[in-house]
All heavy atoms as atom14 arrays in JSON, in Angstrom:
{
  "sequence": "GTSEWRFVLESESVEVALARRRQLGDLVGESSQMREIFAMIERVAPRD",
  "atom14_mask": [
    [1, 1, 1, 1, 0, 0, 0, 0, 0, 0, 0, 0, 0, 0],
    [1, 1, 1, 1, 1, 1, 1, 0, 0, 0, 0, 0, 0, 0],
    [1, 1, 1, 1, 1, 1, 0, 0, 0, 0, 0, 0, 0, 0],
    [1, 1, 1, 1, 1, 1, 1, 1, 1, 0, 0, 0, 0, 0],
    [1, 1, 1, 1, 1, 1, 1, 1, 1, 1, 1, 1, 1, 1],
    [1, 1, 1, 1, 1, 1, 1, 1, 1, 1, 1, 0, 0, 0],
    [1, 1, 1, 1, 1, 1, 1, 1, 1, 1, 1, 0, 0, 0],
    [1, 1, 1, 1, 1, 1, 1, 0, 0, 0, 0, 0, 0, 0],
    [1, 1, 1, 1, 1, 1, 1, 1, 0, 0, 0, 0, 0, 0],
    [1, 1, 1, 1, 1, 1, 1, 1, 1, 0, 0, 0, 0, 0],
    [1, 1, 1, 1, 1, 1, 0, 0, 0, 0, 0, 0, 0, 0],
    [1, 1, 1, 1, 1, 1, 1, 1, 1, 0, 0, 0, 0, 0],
    [1, 1, 1, 1, 1, 1, 0, 0, 0, 0, 0, 0, 0, 0],
    [1, 1, 1, 1, 1, 1, 1, 0, 0, 0, 0, 0, 0, 0],
    [1, 1, 1, 1, 1, 1, 1, 1, 1, 0, 0, 0, 0, 0],
    [1, 1, 1, 1, 1, 1, 1, 0, 0, 0, 0, 0, 0, 0],
    [1, 1, 1, 1, 1, 0, 0, 0, 0, 0, 0, 0, 0, 0],
    [1, 1, 1, 1, 1, 1, 1, 1, 0, 0, 0, 0, 0, 0],
    [1, 1, 1, 1, 1, 0, 0, 0, 0, 0, 0, 0, 0, 0],
    [1, 1, 1, 1, 1, 1, 1, 1, 1, 1, 1, 0, 0, 0],
    [1, 1, 1, 1, 1, 1, 1, 1, 1, 1, 1, 0, 0, 0],
    [1, 1, 1, 1, 1, 1, 1, 1, 1, 1, 1, 0, 0, 0],
    [1, 1, 1, 1, 1, 1, 1, 1, 1, 0, 0, 0, 0, 0],
    [1, 1, 1, 1, 1, 1, 1, 1, 0, 0, 0, 0, 0, 0],
    [1, 1, 1, 1, 0, 0, 0, 0, 0, 0, 0, 0, 0, 0],
    [1, 1, 1, 1, 1, 1, 1, 1, 0, 0, 0, 0, 0, 0],
    [1, 1, 1, 1, 1, 1, 1, 1, 0, 0, 0, 0, 0, 0],
    [1, 1, 1, 1, 1, 1, 1, 0, 0, 0, 0, 0, 0, 0],
    [1, 1, 1, 1, 0, 0, 0, 0, 0, 0, 0, 0, 0, 0],
    [1, 1, 1, 1, 1, 1, 1, 1, 1, 0, 0, 0, 0, 0],
    [1, 1, 1, 1, 1, 1, 0, 0, 0, 0, 0, 0, 0, 0],
    [1, 1, 1, 1, 1, 1, 0, 0, 0, 0, 0, 0, 0, 0],
    [1, 1, 1, 1, 1, 1, 1, 1, 1, 0, 0, 0, 0, 0],
    [1, 1, 1, 1, 1, 1, 1, 1, 0, 0, 0, 0, 0, 0],
    [1, 1, 1, 1, 1, 1, 1, 1, 1, 1, 1, 0, 0, 0],
    [1, 1, 1, 1, 1, 1, 1, 1, 1, 0, 0, 0, 0, 0],
    [1, 1, 1, 1, 1, 1, 1, 1, 0, 0, 0, 0, 0, 0],
    [1, 1, 1, 1, 1, 1, 1, 1, 1, 1, 1, 0, 0, 0],
    [1, 1, 1, 1, 1, 0, 0, 0, 0, 0, 0, 0, 0, 0],
    [1, 1, 1, 1, 1, 1, 1, 1, 0, 0, 0, 0, 0, 0],
    [1, 1, 1, 1, 1, 1, 1, 1, 0, 0, 0, 0, 0, 0],
    [1, 1, 1, 1, 1, 1, 1, 1, 1, 0, 0, 0, 0, 0],
    [1, 1, 1, 1, 1, 1, 1, 1, 1, 1, 1, 0, 0, 0],
    [1, 1, 1, 1, 1, 1, 1, 0, 0, 0, 0, 0, 0, 0],
    [1, 1, 1, 1, 1, 0, 0, 0, 0, 0, 0, 0, 0, 0],
    [1, 1, 1, 1, 1, 1, 1, 0, 0, 0, 0, 0, 0, 0],
    [1, 1, 1, 1, 1, 1, 1, 1, 1, 1, 1, 0, 0, 0],
    [1, 1, 1, 1, 1, 1, 1, 1, 0, 0, 0, 0, 0, 0]
  ],
  "atom14_positions": [
    [[0.86, -1.18, 0.0], [0.0, 0.0, 0.0], [0.9, 1.23, 0.0], [1.79, 1.35, -0.85], [0.0, 0.0, 0.0], [0.0, 0.0, 0.0], [0.0, 0.0, 0.0], [0.0, 0.0, 0.0], [0.0, 0.0, 0.0], [0.0, 0.0, 0.0], [0.0, 0.0, 0.0], [0.0, 0.0, 0.0], [0.0, 0.0, 0.0], [0.0, 0.0, 0.0]],
    [[0.72, 2.11, 0.97], [1.59, 3.28, 1.07], [2.64, 3.12, 2.17], [3.4, 4.06, 2.45], [0.75, 4.55, 1.36], [0.06, 4.38, 2.6], [-0.25, 4.8, 0.25], [0.0, 0.0, 0.0], [0.0, 0.0, 0.0], [0.0, 0.0, 0.0], [0.0, 0.0, 0.0], [0.0, 0.0, 0.0], [0.0, 0.0, 0.0], [0.0, 0.0, 0.0]],
    [[2.68, 1.96, 2.82], [3.65, 1.71, 3.89], [4.96, 1.21, 3.28], [4.98, 0.18, 2.59], [3.09, 0.68, 4.87], [3.98, 0.44, 5.93], [0.0, 0.0, 0.0], [0.0, 0.0, 0.0], [0.0, 0.0, 0.0], [0.0, 0.0, 0.0], [0.0, 0.0, 0.0], [0.0, 0.0, 0.0], [0.0, 0.0, 0.0], [0.0, 0.0, 0.0]],
    [[6.05, 1.91, 3.53], [7.34, 1.59, 2.91], [8.27, 0.9, 3.91], [8.41, 1.34, 5.05], [8.0, 2.85, 2.36], [7.26, 3.47, 1.19], [8.05, 4.6, 0.54], [9.04, 5.06, 1.16], [7.67, 5.02, -0.57], [0.0, 0.0, 0.0], [0.0, 0.0, 0.0], [0.0, 0.0, 0.0], [0.0, 0.0, 0.0], [0.0, 0.0, 0.0]],
    [[8.93, -0.15, 3.43], [9.85, -0.92, 4.25], [11.1, -1.26, 3.45], [11.0, -1.62, 2.27], [9.2, -2.22, 4.73], [8.01, -2.01, 5.6], [6.75, -1.65, 5.21], [7.97, -2.11, 7.02], [5.92, -1.52, 6.29], [6.64, -1.81, 7.42], [8.91, -2.44, 8.0], [6.25, -1.82, 8.75], [8.52, -2.46, 9.33], [7.21, -2.15, 9.69]],
    [[12.25, -1.17, 4.07], [13.51, -1.54, 3.42], [13.85, -2.98, 3.79], [13.85, -3.36, 4.97], [14.63, -0.6, 3.86], [15.94, -0.79, 3.09], [16.86, 0.4, 3.31], [18.15, 0.2, 2.66], [19.25, -0.17, 3.29], [19.22, -0.37, 4.6], [20.38, -0.32, 2.64], [0.0, 0.0, 0.0], [0.0, 0.0, 0.0], [0.0, 0.0, 0.0]],
    [[14.12, -3.8, 2.77], [14.44, -5.21, 2.96], [15.95, -5.36, 2.97], [16.64, -4.95, 2.02], [13.83, -6.04, 1.83], [14.25, -7.49, 1.83], [13.67, -8.39, 2.72], [15.21, -7.96, 0.94], [14.05, -9.73, 2.72], [15.58, -9.28, 0.92], [15.0, -10.18, 1.82], [0.0, 0.0, 0.0], [0.0, 0.0, 0.0], [0.0, 0.0, 0.0]],
    [[16.48, -5.95, 4.04], [17.94, -6.08, 4.19], [18.29, -7.5, 4.61], [17.7, -8.04, 5.55], [18.48, -5.08, 5.25], [19.99, -5.25, 5.4], [18.14, -3.65, 4.87], [0.0, 0.0, 0.0], [0.0, 0.0, 0.0], [0.0, 0.0, 0.0], [0.0, 0.0, 0.0], [0.0, 0.0, 0.0], [0.0, 0.0, 0.0], [0.0, 0.0, 0.0]],
    [[19.26, -8.09, 3.91], [19.77, -9.41, 4.29], [20.87, -9.25, 5.33], [21.72, -8.37, 5.23], [20.33, -10.13, 3.07], [19.32, -10.58, 2.01], [20.04, -11.14, 0.8], [18.37, -11.62, 2.58], [0.0, 0.0, 0.0], [0.0, 0.0, 0.0], [0.0, 0.0, 0.0], [0.0, 0.0, 0.0], [0.0, 0.0, 0.0], [0.0, 0.0, 0.0]],
    [[20.82, -10.12, 6.37], [21.85, -10.12, 7.4], [22.97, -11.09, 7.0], [22.84, -11.87, 6.06], [21.23, -10.56, 8.74], [20.04, -9.73, 9.18], [20.46, -8.42, 9.81], [21.66, -8.27, 10.11], [19.59, -7.57, 10.02], [0.0, 0.0, 0.0], [0.0, 0.0, 0.0], [0.0, 0.0, 0.0], [0.0, 0.0, 0.0], [0.0, 0.0, 0.0]],
    [[24.07, -11.05, 7.75], [25.2, -11.94, 7.44], [24.97, -13.34, 7.99], [25.48, -14.32, 7.45], [26.5, -11.35, 8.01], [26.38, -11.17, 9.42], [0.0, 0.0, 0.0], [0.0, 0.0, 0.0], [0.0, 0.0, 0.0], [0.0, 0.0, 0.0], [0.0, 0.0, 0.0], [0.0, 0.0, 0.0], [0.0, 0.0, 0.0], [0.0, 0.0, 0.0]],
    [[24.17, -13.46, 9.09], [23.94, -14.77, 9.69], [23.03, -15.62, 8.81], [22.11, -15.1, 8.18], [23.3, -14.62, 11.07], [24.17, -13.89, 12.08], [23.95, -12.4, 12.05], [23.28, -11.93, 11.1], [24.45, -11.7, 12.94], [0.0, 0.0, 0.0], [0.0, 0.0, 0.0], [0.0, 0.0, 0.0], [0.0, 0.0, 0.0], [0.0, 0.0, 0.0]],
    [[23.29, -16.91, 8.77], [22.45, -17.81, 7.98], [21.59, -18.67, 8.89], [21.89, -18.86, 10.07], [23.31, -18.71, 7.08], [24.12, -19.56, 7.86], [0.0, 0.0, 0.0], [0.0, 0.0, 0.0], [0.0, 0.0, 0.0], [0.0, 0.0, 0.0], [0.0, 0.0, 0.0], [0.0, 0.0, 0.0], [0.0, 0.0, 0.0], [0.0, 0.0, 0.0]],
    [[20.51, -19.16, 8.33], [19.54, -20.0, 9.04], [19.31, -21.24, 8.19], [19.31, -21.17, 6.96], [18.2, -19.26, 9.24], [17.21, -20.13, 9.98], [18.42, -17.95, 9.98], [0.0, 0.0, 0.0], [0.0, 0.0, 0.0], [0.0, 0.0, 0.0], [0.0, 0.0, 0.0], [0.0, 0.0, 0.0], [0.0, 0.0, 0.0], [0.0, 0.0, 0.0]],
    [[19.13, -22.38, 8.82], [18.85, -23.61, 8.07], [17.55, -24.23, 8.56], [17.32, -24.34, 9.76], [20.0, -24.61, 8.24], [19.8, -25.88, 7.41], [21.01, -26.81, 7.47], [22.0, -26.51, 6.8], [20.95, -27.79, 8.23], [0.0, 0.0, 0.0], [0.0, 0.0, 0.0], [0.0, 0.0, 0.0], [0.0, 0.0, 0.0], [0.0, 0.0, 0.0]],
    [[16.7, -24.6, 7.63], [15.48, -25.34, 7.95], [15.44, -26.6, 7.11], [16.11, -26.69, 6.07], [14.21, -24.49, 7.69], [14.2, -23.23, 8.52], [14.07, -24.16, 6.21], [0.0, 0.0, 0.0], [0.0, 0.0, 0.0], [0.0, 0.0, 0.0], [0.0, 0.0, 0.0], [0.0, 0.0, 0.0], [0.0, 0.0, 0.0], [0.0, 0.0, 0.0]],
    [[14.67, -27.56, 7.56], [14.55, -28.83, 6.83], [13.12, -28.99, 6.33], [12.16, -28.63, 7.0], [14.92, -29.99, 7.75], [0.0, 0.0, 0.0], [0.0, 0.0, 0.0], [0.0, 0.0, 0.0], [0.0, 0.0, 0.0], [0.0, 0.0, 0.0], [0.0, 0.0, 0.0], [0.0, 0.0, 0.0], [0.0, 0.0, 0.0], [0.0, 0.0, 0.0]],
    [[12.99, -29.54, 5.13], [11.69, -29.89, 4.54], [11.64, -31.39, 4.35], [12.47, -31.97, 3.66], [11.49, -29.19, 3.19], [11.54, -27.67, 3.13], [11.22, -27.19, 1.71], [10.57, -27.06, 4.11], [0.0, 0.0, 0.0], [0.0, 0.0, 0.0], [0.0, 0.0, 0.0], [0.0, 0.0, 0.0], [0.0, 0.0, 0.0], [0.0, 0.0, 0.0]],
    [[10.68, -32.04, 4.99], [10.54, -33.49, 4.85], [10.16, -33.84, 3.42], [9.5, -33.06, 2.72], [9.48, -34.0, 5.82], [0.0, 0.0, 0.0], [0.0, 0.0, 0.0], [0.0, 0.0, 0.0], [0.0, 0.0, 0.0], [0.0, 0.0, 0.0], [0.0, 0.0, 0.0], [0.0, 0.0, 0.0], [0.0, 0.0, 0.0], [0.0, 0.0, 0.0]],
    [[10.56, -35.01, 2.98], [10.18, -35.46, 1.64], [8.81, -36.14, 1.65], [8.17, -36.28, 0.62], [11.24, -36.43, 1.1], [12.62, -35.77, 0.97], [13.63, -36.7, 0.35], [14.96, -36.11, 0.39], [15.43, -35.24, -0.5], [14.65, -34.84, -1.49], [16.65, -34.75, -0.38], [0.0, 0.0, 0.0], [0.0, 0.0, 0.0], [0.0, 0.0, 0.0]],
    [[8.37, -36.53, 2.85], [7.07, -37.19, 2.96], [5.95, -36.17, 2.79], [6.13, -34.97, 3.01], [6.95, -37.88, 4.31], [6.98, -36.94, 5.49], [6.56, -37.63, 6.78], [7.52, -38.59, 7.29], [7.21, -39.83, 7.62], [5.96, -40.25, 7.5], [8.12, -40.66, 8.09], [0.0, 0.0, 0.0], [0.0, 0.0, 0.0], [0.0, 0.0, 0.0]],
    [[4.76, -36.65, 2.41], [3.57, -35.82, 2.25], [2.52, -36.12, 3.3], [1.44, -35.54, 3.28], [2.95, -36.04, 0.86], [3.4, -35.07, -0.22], [4.88, -34.97, -0.38], [5.27, -34.08, -1.48], [6.51, -33.8, -1.8], [7.51, -34.33, -1.11], [6.8, -32.98, -2.81], [0.0, 0.0, 0.0], [0.0, 0.0, 0.0], [0.0, 0.0, 0.0]],
    [[2.82, -37.0, 4.25], [1.89, -37.31, 5.31], [2.66, -37.79, 6.53], [3.66, -38.51, 6.41], [0.88, -38.39, 4.89], [-0.16, -38.72, 5.95], [-1.29, -39.59, 5.42], [-1.38, -39.86, 4.23], [-2.16, -40.05, 6.31], [0.0, 0.0, 0.0], [0.0, 0.0, 0.0], [0.0, 0.0, 0.0], [0.0, 0.0, 0.0], [0.0, 0.0, 0.0]],
    [[2.22, -37.36, 7.7], [2.81, -37.8, 8.95], [1.67, -38.05, 9.92], [0.98, -37.12, 10.33], [3.76, -36.74, 9.51], [4.51, -37.11, 10.8], [5.42, -38.31, 10.56], [5.32, -35.93, 11.32], [0.0, 0.0, 0.0], [0.0, 0.0, 0.0], [0.0, 0.0, 0.0], [0.0, 0.0, 0.0], [0.0, 0.0, 0.0], [0.0, 0.0, 0.0]],
    [[1.43, -39.32, 10.24], [0.25, -39.65, 11.01], [-0.98, -39.28, 10.22], [-1.13, -39.66, 9.06], [0.0, 0.0, 0.0], [0.0, 0.0, 0.0], [0.0, 0.0, 0.0], [0.0, 0.0, 0.0], [0.0, 0.0, 0.0], [0.0, 0.0, 0.0], [0.0, 0.0, 0.0], [0.0, 0.0, 0.0], [0.0, 0.0, 0.0], [0.0, 0.0, 0.0]],
    [[-1.88, -38.5, 10.81], [-3.07, -38.02, 10.11], [-2.9, -36.61, 9.57], [-3.86, -36.02, 9.07], [-4.29, -38.07, 11.04], [-4.77, -39.49, 11.27], [-4.67, -40.3, 10.33], [-5.24, -39.8, 12.38], [0.0, 0.0, 0.0], [0.0, 0.0, 0.0], [0.0, 0.0, 0.0], [0.0, 0.0, 0.0], [0.0, 0.0, 0.0], [0.0, 0.0, 0.0]],
    [[-1.69, -36.06, 9.67], [-1.4, -34.76, 9.06], [-1.05, -34.98, 7.59], [-0.2, -35.81, 7.27], [-0.22, -34.08, 9.77], [-0.47, -33.48, 11.15], [0.85, -33.03, 11.75], [-1.43, -32.3, 11.06], [0.0, 0.0, 0.0], [0.0, 0.0, 0.0], [0.0, 0.0, 0.0], [0.0, 0.0, 0.0], [0.0, 0.0, 0.0], [0.0, 0.0, 0.0]],
    [[-1.73, -34.24, 6.71], [-1.53, -34.39, 5.28], [-1.19, -33.04, 4.68], [-1.82, -32.03, 5.01], [-2.8, -34.95, 4.6], [-2.64, -35.01, 3.09], [-3.12, -36.34, 5.16], [0.0, 0.0, 0.0], [0.0, 0.0, 0.0], [0.0, 0.0, 0.0], [0.0, 0.0, 0.0], [0.0, 0.0, 0.0], [0.0, 0.0, 0.0], [0.0, 0.0, 0.0]],
    [[-0.21, -33.01, 3.79], [0.1, -31.76, 3.12], [1.3, -31.87, 2.2], [2.29, -32.52, 2.55], [0.0, 0.0, 0.0], [0.0, 0.0, 0.0], [0.0, 0.0, 0.0], [0.0, 0.0, 0.0], [0.0, 0.0, 0.0], [0.0, 0.0, 0.0], [0.0, 0.0, 0.0], [0.0, 0.0, 0.0], [0.0, 0.0, 0.0], [0.0, 0.0, 0.0]],
    [[1.2, -31.25, 1.03], [2.3, -31.22, 0.08], [3.0, -29.86, 0.06], [4.03, -29.7, -0.58], [1.78, -31.54, -1.33], [1.15, -32.93, -1.43], [0.63, -33.22, -2.83], [0.58, -32.27, -3.64], [0.29, -34.38, -3.1], [0.0, 0.0, 0.0], [0.0, 0.0, 0.0], [0.0, 0.0, 0.0], [0.0, 0.0, 0.0], [0.0, 0.0, 0.0]],
    [[2.44, -28.88, 0.76], [3.02, -27.54, 0.76], [4.33, -27.53, 1.52], [4.6, -28.38, 2.37], [2.05, -26.54, 1.41], [1.86, -26.86, 2.78], [0.0, 0.0, 0.0], [0.0, 0.0, 0.0], [0.0, 0.0, 0.0], [0.0, 0.0, 0.0], [0.0, 0.0, 0.0], [0.0, 0.0, 0.0], [0.0, 0.0, 0.0], [0.0, 0.0, 0.0]],
    [[5.15, -26.52, 1.21], [6.43, -26.4, 1.91], [6.21, -26.14, 3.4], [7.0, -26.59, 4.23], [7.25, -25.27, 1.29], [6.54, -24.04, 1.34], [0.0, 0.0, 0.0], [0.0, 0.0, 0.0], [0.0, 0.0, 0.0], [0.0, 0.0, 0.0], [0.0, 0.0, 0.0], [0.0, 0.0, 0.0], [0.0, 0.0, 0.0], [0.0, 0.0, 0.0]],
    [[5.1, -25.44, 3.75], [4.83, -25.19, 5.17], [4.65, -26.49, 5.93], [5.21, -26.69, 7.01], [3.57, -24.33, 5.35], [3.65, -22.96, 4.73], [2.84, -22.9, 3.47], [3.12, -23.64, 2.53], [1.85, -22.02, 3.42], [0.0, 0.0, 0.0], [0.0, 0.0, 0.0], [0.0, 0.0, 0.0], [0.0, 0.0, 0.0], [0.0, 0.0, 0.0]],
    [[3.85, -27.42, 5.38], [3.58, -28.67, 6.08], [4.81, -29.58, 6.07], [5.1, -30.26, 7.06], [2.38, -29.38, 5.44], [1.06, -28.65, 5.63], [0.67, -28.31, 7.38], [0.48, -29.97, 8.02], [0.0, 0.0, 0.0], [0.0, 0.0, 0.0], [0.0, 0.0, 0.0], [0.0, 0.0, 0.0], [0.0, 0.0, 0.0], [0.0, 0.0, 0.0]],
    [[5.56, -29.58, 4.98], [6.77, -30.41, 4.94], [7.8, -29.91, 5.94], [8.55, -30.7, 6.52], [7.33, -30.42, 3.53], [6.45, -31.18, 2.53], [6.89, -30.93, 1.1], [8.29, -31.24, 0.92], [9.08, -30.61, 0.06], [8.6, -29.62, -0.69], [10.35, -30.94, -0.05], [0.0, 0.0, 0.0], [0.0, 0.0, 0.0], [0.0, 0.0, 0.0]],
    [[7.81, -28.61, 6.19], [8.7, -28.06, 7.22], [8.25, -28.51, 8.6], [9.08, -28.85, 9.46], [8.71, -26.53, 7.13], [9.72, -25.86, 8.05], [9.8, -24.36, 7.84], [9.39, -23.87, 6.75], [10.27, -23.67, 8.76], [0.0, 0.0, 0.0], [0.0, 0.0, 0.0], [0.0, 0.0, 0.0], [0.0, 0.0, 0.0], [0.0, 0.0, 0.0]],
    [[6.93, -28.53, 8.82], [6.4, -28.99, 10.11], [6.69, -30.48, 10.3], [7.07, -30.91, 11.4], [4.89, -28.7, 10.19], [4.66, -27.2, 10.35], [4.25, -29.46, 11.35], [3.22, -26.77, 10.22], [0.0, 0.0, 0.0], [0.0, 0.0, 0.0], [0.0, 0.0, 0.0], [0.0, 0.0, 0.0], [0.0, 0.0, 0.0], [0.0, 0.0, 0.0]],
    [[6.52, -31.28, 9.24], [6.81, -32.72, 9.34], [8.27, -32.93, 9.78], [8.55, -33.75, 10.66], [6.57, -33.41, 8.01], [5.13, -33.44, 7.56], [4.82, -33.71, 6.24], [4.1, -33.17, 8.44], [3.5, -33.73, 5.8], [2.78, -33.2, 8.03], [2.48, -33.47, 6.7], [0.0, 0.0, 0.0], [0.0, 0.0, 0.0], [0.0, 0.0, 0.0]],
    [[9.18, -32.2, 9.14], [10.6, -32.35, 9.47], [10.87, -31.92, 10.91], [11.67, -32.55, 11.63], [11.46, -31.53, 8.5], [0.0, 0.0, 0.0], [0.0, 0.0, 0.0], [0.0, 0.0, 0.0], [0.0, 0.0, 0.0], [0.0, 0.0, 0.0], [0.0, 0.0, 0.0], [0.0, 0.0, 0.0], [0.0, 0.0, 0.0], [0.0, 0.0, 0.0]],
    [[10.21, -30.86, 11.35], [10.4, -30.38, 12.71], [9.9, -31.4, 13.72], [10.54, -31.66, 14.74], [9.67, -29.04, 12.89], [9.98, -28.33, 14.19], [9.08, -26.76, 14.37], [9.6, -25.91, 12.89], [0.0, 0.0, 0.0], [0.0, 0.0, 0.0], [0.0, 0.0, 0.0], [0.0, 0.0, 0.0], [0.0, 0.0, 0.0], [0.0, 0.0, 0.0]],
    [[8.73, -31.99, 13.44], [8.18, -33.01, 14.35], [9.11, -34.22, 14.43], [9.39, -34.73, 15.52], [6.77, -33.43, 13.89], [5.77, -32.29, 14.15], [6.33, -34.7, 14.61], [4.38, -32.56, 13.62], [0.0, 0.0, 0.0], [0.0, 0.0, 0.0], [0.0, 0.0, 0.0], [0.0, 0.0, 0.0], [0.0, 0.0, 0.0], [0.0, 0.0, 0.0]],
    [[9.6, -34.67, 13.28], [10.49, -35.84, 13.27], [11.77, -35.55, 14.04], [12.34, -36.45, 14.68], [10.8, -36.23, 11.83], [9.61, -36.81, 11.08], [9.92, -37.1, 9.63], [10.61, -36.29, 8.98], [9.47, -38.14, 9.14], [0.0, 0.0, 0.0], [0.0, 0.0, 0.0], [0.0, 0.0, 0.0], [0.0, 0.0, 0.0], [0.0, 0.0, 0.0]],
    [[12.23, -34.3, 13.99], [13.48, -33.95, 14.67], [13.28, -33.82, 16.18], [14.14, -34.22, 16.97], [14.02, -32.63, 14.1], [15.38, -32.24, 14.66], [15.99, -31.07, 13.92], [15.24, -29.84, 14.13], [14.53, -29.23, 13.2], [14.42, -29.75, 11.98], [13.89, -28.1, 13.47], [0.0, 0.0, 0.0], [0.0, 0.0, 0.0], [0.0, 0.0, 0.0]],
    [[12.14, -33.26, 16.61], [11.94, -32.98, 18.03], [11.31, -34.15, 18.79], [11.47, -34.26, 20.0], [11.09, -31.71, 18.21], [9.63, -31.98, 17.85], [11.18, -31.18, 19.63], [0.0, 0.0, 0.0], [0.0, 0.0, 0.0], [0.0, 0.0, 0.0], [0.0, 0.0, 0.0], [0.0, 0.0, 0.0], [0.0, 0.0, 0.0], [0.0, 0.0, 0.0]],
    [[10.58, -35.02, 18.09], [9.81, -36.08, 18.76], [10.66, -36.98, 19.66], [10.23, -37.31, 20.77], [9.05, -36.91, 17.73], [0.0, 0.0, 0.0], [0.0, 0.0, 0.0], [0.0, 0.0, 0.0], [0.0, 0.0, 0.0], [0.0, 0.0, 0.0], [0.0, 0.0, 0.0], [0.0, 0.0, 0.0], [0.0, 0.0, 0.0], [0.0, 0.0, 0.0]],
    [[11.86, -37.4, 19.23], [12.64, -38.31, 20.1], [13.12, -37.66, 21.39], [13.52, -38.36, 22.32], [13.83, -38.69, 19.21], [13.37, -38.44, 17.8], [12.49, -37.23, 17.92], [0.0, 0.0, 0.0], [0.0, 0.0, 0.0], [0.0, 0.0, 0.0], [0.0, 0.0, 0.0], [0.0, 0.0, 0.0], [0.0, 0.0, 0.0], [0.0, 0.0, 0.0]],
    [[13.1, -36.34, 21.46], [13.54, -35.64, 22.67], [12.31, -35.27, 23.51], [11.24, -35.02, 22.98], [14.33, -34.4, 22.29], [15.49, -34.7, 21.35], [16.1, -33.42, 20.81], [16.69, -32.61, 21.87], [17.15, -31.38, 21.68], [17.07, -30.82, 20.47], [17.68, -30.7, 22.68], [0.0, 0.0, 0.0], [0.0, 0.0, 0.0], [0.0, 0.0, 0.0]],
    [[12.49, -35.19, 24.82], [11.36, -34.93, 25.7], [11.11, -33.45, 25.93], [10.69, -33.04, 27.01], [11.56, -35.65, 27.04], [10.84, -36.99, 27.08], [10.12, -37.3, 26.12], [11.01, -37.73, 28.06], [0.0, 0.0, 0.0], [0.0, 0.0, 0.0], [0.0, 0.0, 0.0], [0.0, 0.0, 0.0], [0.0, 0.0, 0.0], [0.0, 0.0, 0.0]]
  ]
}
């Protein structure tokens, strides 16, 4: 709209994982958002 923002890249990098699966339990999704959630669940689930 009329709101102006400057976009700036920082020097620090971030890494995320996208699962290759399209379903985890009863969660279903092919979008990158859901594949990111699937990967996050698989990574965190073994830890309490």
